[in-house]
């Protein structure tokens, strides 16, 4: 049983260590996801994610285009901030949410 578990564990680590090589640069695929997956994970429209790429909200070093895969766009799986999210966070820090909740009787 332990030997089979070790073999399965080795196979899983091999799968998660997948790398993509583009123009002699290596990318660890555990850190990158497609734009559609990013949109789903963060409850955003795909068009918004593409708009963020065009506007520079997502920095150039945080997305790659894979020409061999029909120009598939991969972005680094991390959170990105727009001006609106920065303002919201600043507003949230100034005024706690409990101050705005109304008690309904």
N, C-alpha and C. Protein backbone atom coordinates (compact mmCIF):
# COMPACT_ATOMS: atom_id res chain seq x y z
N UNK A 1 0.83 -1.19 0.00
CA UNK A 1 0.00 0.00 0.00
C UNK A 1 0.87 1.26 0.00
N UNK A 2 1.89 1.31 0.85
CA UNK A 2 2.75 2.48 0.93
C UNK A 2 3.51 2.71 -0.37
N UNK A 3 3.92 1.63 -1.02
CA UNK A 3 4.65 1.76 -2.27
C UNK A 3 3.76 2.34 -3.36
N UNK A 4 2.51 1.89 -3.41
CA UNK A 4 1.58 2.43 -4.40
C UNK A 4 1.31 3.91 -4.13
N UNK A 5 1.15 4.27 -2.86
CA UNK A 5 0.93 5.66 -2.50
C UNK A 5 2.13 6.52 -2.90
N UNK A 6 3.33 6.01 -2.68
CA UNK A 6 4.54 6.75 -3.07
C UNK A 6 4.59 6.94 -4.59
N UNK A 7 4.21 5.90 -5.35
CA UNK A 7 4.20 6.00 -6.81
C UNK A 7 3.18 7.04 -7.28
N UNK A 8 2.00 7.02 -6.66
CA UNK A 8 0.97 8.00 -7.02
C UNK A 8 1.44 9.41 -6.67
N UNK A 9 2.07 9.55 -5.52
CA UNK A 9 2.58 10.86 -5.11
C UNK A 9 3.65 11.35 -6.09
N UNK A 10 4.53 10.48 -6.53
CA UNK A 10 5.56 10.86 -7.51
C UNK A 10 4.93 11.30 -8.83
N UNK A 11 3.90 10.56 -9.26
CA UNK A 11 3.22 10.93 -10.51
C UNK A 11 2.55 12.29 -10.38
N UNK A 12 1.93 12.55 -9.26
CA UNK A 12 1.26 13.84 -9.05
C UNK A 12 2.26 14.99 -9.02
N UNK A 13 3.40 14.80 -8.40
CA UNK A 13 4.40 15.87 -8.37
C UNK A 13 4.98 16.10 -9.77
N UNK A 14 5.10 15.04 -10.57
CA UNK A 14 5.57 15.21 -11.95
C UNK A 14 4.57 16.02 -12.76
N UNK A 15 3.29 15.75 -12.55
CA UNK A 15 2.25 16.48 -13.29
C UNK A 15 2.26 17.95 -12.89
N UNK A 16 2.37 18.23 -11.60
CA UNK A 16 2.31 19.62 -11.14
C UNK A 16 3.58 20.39 -11.46
N UNK A 17 4.64 19.71 -11.82
CA UNK A 17 5.88 20.40 -12.18
C UNK A 17 5.96 20.67 -13.68
N UNK A 18 4.83 20.64 -14.35
CA UNK A 18 4.81 20.88 -15.79
C UNK A 18 5.31 22.29 -16.09
N UNK A 19 6.07 22.39 -17.16
CA UNK A 19 6.63 23.68 -17.55
C UNK A 19 6.35 23.91 -19.02
N UNK A 20 6.22 25.17 -19.36
CA UNK A 20 6.02 25.58 -20.74
C UNK A 20 7.24 26.38 -21.15
N UNK A 21 7.82 26.05 -22.29
CA UNK A 21 9.01 26.75 -22.77
C UNK A 21 8.63 27.52 -24.03
N UNK A 22 8.77 28.85 -23.95
CA UNK A 22 8.49 29.72 -25.09
C UNK A 22 9.69 30.64 -25.27
N UNK A 23 10.27 30.61 -26.46
CA UNK A 23 11.42 31.45 -26.79
C UNK A 23 12.52 31.32 -25.73
N UNK A 24 12.85 30.09 -25.39
CA UNK A 24 13.90 29.77 -24.44
C UNK A 24 13.64 30.27 -23.02
N UNK A 25 12.41 30.63 -22.72
CA UNK A 25 12.06 31.03 -21.36
C UNK A 25 11.09 30.00 -20.81
N UNK A 26 11.34 29.58 -19.57
CA UNK A 26 10.56 28.52 -18.97
C UNK A 26 9.52 29.09 -18.01
N UNK A 27 8.29 28.60 -18.12
CA UNK A 27 7.19 29.04 -17.25
C UNK A 27 6.63 27.84 -16.52
N UNK A 28 6.50 27.97 -15.21
CA UNK A 28 5.92 26.92 -14.39
C UNK A 28 4.41 27.01 -14.51
N UNK A 29 3.77 25.98 -15.04
CA UNK A 29 2.34 26.04 -15.33
C UNK A 29 1.46 26.07 -14.08
N UNK A 30 2.00 25.78 -12.93
CA UNK A 30 1.19 25.88 -11.71
C UNK A 30 0.92 27.33 -11.33
N UNK A 31 1.69 28.27 -11.89
CA UNK A 31 1.53 29.69 -11.58
C UNK A 31 0.68 30.43 -12.62
N UNK A 32 0.36 29.81 -13.74
CA UNK A 32 -0.30 30.49 -14.85
C UNK A 32 -1.63 29.83 -15.16
N UNK A 33 -2.64 30.65 -15.51
CA UNK A 33 -3.94 30.12 -15.92
C UNK A 33 -4.43 30.90 -17.14
N UNK A 34 -5.43 30.34 -17.81
CA UNK A 34 -5.98 31.02 -18.98
C UNK A 34 -6.83 32.20 -18.53
N UNK A 35 -7.08 33.11 -19.46
CA UNK A 35 -7.89 34.28 -19.12
C UNK A 35 -9.30 33.88 -18.74
N UNK A 36 -9.85 32.86 -19.40
CA UNK A 36 -11.21 32.44 -19.06
C UNK A 36 -11.27 31.80 -17.67
N UNK A 37 -10.25 31.03 -17.31
CA UNK A 37 -10.22 30.46 -15.95
C UNK A 37 -10.06 31.55 -14.90
N UNK A 38 -9.24 32.55 -15.19
CA UNK A 38 -9.07 33.66 -14.26
C UNK A 38 -10.40 34.39 -14.07
N UNK A 39 -11.11 34.62 -15.17
CA UNK A 39 -12.40 35.30 -15.09
C UNK A 39 -13.39 34.49 -14.25
N UNK A 40 -13.44 33.18 -14.46
CA UNK A 40 -14.35 32.33 -13.68
C UNK A 40 -13.98 32.34 -12.21
N UNK A 41 -12.70 32.20 -11.91
CA UNK A 41 -12.25 32.13 -10.51
C UNK A 41 -12.52 33.43 -9.76
N UNK A 42 -12.49 34.56 -10.46
CA UNK A 42 -12.63 35.85 -9.81
C UNK A 42 -13.97 36.53 -10.10
N UNK A 43 -14.90 35.77 -10.69
CA UNK A 43 -16.25 36.26 -10.97
C UNK A 43 -16.22 37.53 -11.82
N UNK A 44 -15.46 37.48 -12.90
CA UNK A 44 -15.33 38.60 -13.83
C UNK A 44 -15.75 38.15 -15.23
N UNK A 45 -16.08 39.11 -16.07
CA UNK A 45 -16.33 38.81 -17.48
C UNK A 45 -14.98 38.64 -18.18
N UNK A 46 -14.93 37.75 -19.15
CA UNK A 46 -13.69 37.53 -19.89
C UNK A 46 -13.27 38.81 -20.59
N UNK A 47 -14.24 39.57 -21.08
CA UNK A 47 -13.93 40.83 -21.75
C UNK A 47 -13.23 41.80 -20.81
N UNK A 48 -13.61 41.78 -19.53
CA UNK A 48 -12.96 42.67 -18.56
C UNK A 48 -11.49 42.29 -18.38
N UNK A 49 -11.21 41.00 -18.32
CA UNK A 49 -9.83 40.54 -18.16
C UNK A 49 -9.01 40.96 -19.38
N UNK A 50 -9.56 40.80 -20.58
CA UNK A 50 -8.86 41.22 -21.79
C UNK A 50 -8.68 42.74 -21.82
N UNK A 51 -9.67 43.46 -21.32
CA UNK A 51 -9.57 44.91 -21.22
C UNK A 51 -8.46 45.31 -20.26
N UNK A 52 -8.35 44.60 -19.15
CA UNK A 52 -7.27 44.87 -18.18
C UNK A 52 -5.90 44.66 -18.82
N UNK A 53 -5.79 43.64 -19.66
CA UNK A 53 -4.52 43.39 -20.34
C UNK A 53 -4.21 44.55 -21.27
N UNK A 54 -5.21 45.00 -22.04
CA UNK A 54 -5.01 46.09 -22.99
C UNK A 54 -4.68 47.40 -22.28
N UNK A 55 -5.31 47.66 -21.12
CA UNK A 55 -5.09 48.91 -20.40
C UNK A 55 -3.85 48.90 -19.52
N UNK A 56 -3.25 47.74 -19.32
CA UNK A 56 -2.05 47.65 -18.50
C UNK A 56 -2.30 47.40 -17.04
N UNK A 57 -3.55 47.10 -16.67
CA UNK A 57 -3.84 46.74 -15.27
C UNK A 57 -3.08 45.46 -14.92
N UNK A 58 -3.08 44.53 -15.86
CA UNK A 58 -2.26 43.33 -15.72
C UNK A 58 -0.94 43.64 -16.41
N UNK A 59 0.16 43.73 -15.67
CA UNK A 59 1.45 44.11 -16.26
C UNK A 59 1.92 43.13 -17.33
N UNK A 60 2.76 43.62 -18.23
CA UNK A 60 3.23 42.81 -19.35
C UNK A 60 3.99 41.56 -18.90
N UNK A 61 4.65 41.64 -17.75
CA UNK A 61 5.38 40.47 -17.29
C UNK A 61 4.48 39.46 -16.60
N UNK A 62 3.19 39.76 -16.48
CA UNK A 62 2.24 38.85 -15.83
C UNK A 62 1.30 38.18 -16.83
N UNK A 63 1.53 38.34 -18.11
CA UNK A 63 0.77 37.56 -19.09
C UNK A 63 1.68 37.18 -20.25
N UNK A 64 1.36 36.04 -20.83
CA UNK A 64 2.13 35.55 -21.97
C UNK A 64 1.13 35.11 -23.05
N UNK A 65 1.56 35.22 -24.27
CA UNK A 65 0.77 34.76 -25.41
C UNK A 65 1.52 33.59 -26.02
N UNK A 66 0.82 32.47 -26.20
CA UNK A 66 1.43 31.27 -26.76
C UNK A 66 1.02 31.16 -28.22
N UNK A 67 1.88 31.59 -29.16
CA UNK A 67 1.49 31.58 -30.57
C UNK A 67 1.22 30.17 -31.11
N UNK A 68 1.93 29.18 -30.59
CA UNK A 68 1.76 27.80 -31.06
C UNK A 68 0.40 27.23 -30.67
N UNK A 69 -0.26 27.82 -29.71
CA UNK A 69 -1.58 27.35 -29.27
C UNK A 69 -2.66 28.36 -29.66
N UNK A 70 -2.61 28.82 -30.89
CA UNK A 70 -3.60 29.75 -31.43
C UNK A 70 -3.68 31.03 -30.61
N UNK A 71 -2.51 31.55 -30.23
CA UNK A 71 -2.38 32.80 -29.47
C UNK A 71 -3.13 32.76 -28.14
N UNK A 72 -3.04 31.63 -27.48
CA UNK A 72 -3.64 31.47 -26.15
C UNK A 72 -2.97 32.43 -25.18
N UNK A 73 -3.77 33.13 -24.37
CA UNK A 73 -3.23 34.06 -23.38
C UNK A 73 -3.28 33.42 -22.01
N UNK A 74 -2.13 33.41 -21.34
CA UNK A 74 -2.04 32.92 -19.97
C UNK A 74 -1.66 34.10 -19.09
N UNK A 75 -2.28 34.17 -17.92
CA UNK A 75 -1.93 35.23 -16.98
C UNK A 75 -1.53 34.59 -15.67
N UNK A 76 -0.69 35.31 -14.96
CA UNK A 76 -0.23 34.83 -13.66
C UNK A 76 -1.41 34.82 -12.69
N UNK A 77 -1.55 33.75 -11.97
CA UNK A 77 -2.68 33.58 -11.07
C UNK A 77 -2.44 34.35 -9.78
N UNK A 78 -2.80 35.62 -9.79
CA UNK A 78 -2.69 36.49 -8.63
C UNK A 78 -3.76 37.56 -8.77
N UNK A 79 -3.97 38.34 -7.73
CA UNK A 79 -4.99 39.38 -7.82
C UNK A 79 -4.37 40.65 -8.41
N UNK A 80 -5.18 41.37 -9.17
CA UNK A 80 -4.76 42.61 -9.80
C UNK A 80 -5.71 43.71 -9.34
N UNK A 81 -5.19 44.92 -9.20
CA UNK A 81 -6.00 46.02 -8.70
C UNK A 81 -6.20 47.08 -9.77
N UNK A 82 -7.45 47.52 -9.87
CA UNK A 82 -7.76 48.67 -10.71
C UNK A 82 -7.89 49.88 -9.78
N UNK A 83 -8.07 51.03 -10.37
CA UNK A 83 -8.27 52.23 -9.56
C UNK A 83 -9.51 52.08 -8.67
N UNK A 84 -10.55 51.48 -9.22
CA UNK A 84 -11.80 51.32 -8.47
C UNK A 84 -11.61 50.40 -7.27
N UNK A 85 -10.88 49.30 -7.43
CA UNK A 85 -10.69 48.40 -6.30
C UNK A 85 -9.80 49.04 -5.24
N UNK A 86 -8.83 49.85 -5.65
CA UNK A 86 -7.99 50.55 -4.68
C UNK A 86 -8.83 51.55 -3.88
N UNK A 87 -9.72 52.29 -4.57
CA UNK A 87 -10.57 53.25 -3.88
C UNK A 87 -11.53 52.55 -2.93
N UNK A 88 -12.07 51.41 -3.37
CA UNK A 88 -12.98 50.65 -2.52
C UNK A 88 -12.28 50.17 -1.26
N UNK A 89 -11.06 49.65 -1.42
CA UNK A 89 -10.30 49.18 -0.25
C UNK A 89 -10.00 50.34 0.69
N UNK A 90 -9.64 51.49 0.16
CA UNK A 90 -9.35 52.65 1.00
C UNK A 90 -10.61 53.09 1.73
N UNK A 91 -11.75 53.09 1.05
CA UNK A 91 -13.01 53.48 1.66
C UNK A 91 -13.42 52.49 2.75
N UNK A 92 -13.18 51.21 2.48
CA UNK A 92 -13.53 50.16 3.42
C UNK A 92 -12.70 50.29 4.71
N UNK A 93 -11.47 50.70 4.58
CA UNK A 93 -10.60 50.86 5.75
C UNK A 93 -11.07 52.04 6.59
N UNK A 94 -11.50 53.14 5.95
CA UNK A 94 -11.94 54.32 6.68
C UNK A 94 -13.23 54.08 7.45
N UNK A 95 -14.19 53.43 6.81
CA UNK A 95 -15.50 53.22 7.41
C UNK A 95 -15.79 51.73 7.50
N UNK A 96 -15.83 51.16 8.69
CA UNK A 96 -16.17 49.74 8.81
C UNK A 96 -17.57 49.47 8.29
N UNK A 97 -17.77 48.30 7.77
CA UNK A 97 -19.06 47.92 7.21
C UNK A 97 -20.16 47.95 8.26
N UNK A 98 -19.85 47.67 9.50
CA UNK A 98 -20.86 47.65 10.56
C UNK A 98 -21.50 49.02 10.74
N UNK A 99 -20.82 50.10 10.42
CA UNK A 99 -21.38 51.43 10.56
C UNK A 99 -22.53 51.66 9.59
N UNK A 100 -22.57 50.92 8.50
CA UNK A 100 -23.58 51.15 7.47
C UNK A 100 -24.73 50.15 7.52
N UNK A 101 -24.61 49.14 8.32
CA UNK A 101 -25.68 48.15 8.41
C UNK A 101 -26.83 48.72 9.23
N UNK A 102 -28.01 48.50 8.73
CA UNK A 102 -29.18 48.99 9.43
C UNK A 102 -29.85 47.82 10.13
N UNK A 103 -30.36 48.09 11.27
CA UNK A 103 -31.08 47.07 12.02
C UNK A 103 -32.55 47.18 11.64
N UNK A 104 -33.11 46.05 11.17
CA UNK A 104 -34.50 46.03 10.77
C UNK A 104 -35.30 45.32 11.86
N UNK A 105 -36.35 45.97 12.35
CA UNK A 105 -37.19 45.37 13.39
C UNK A 105 -38.45 44.81 12.80
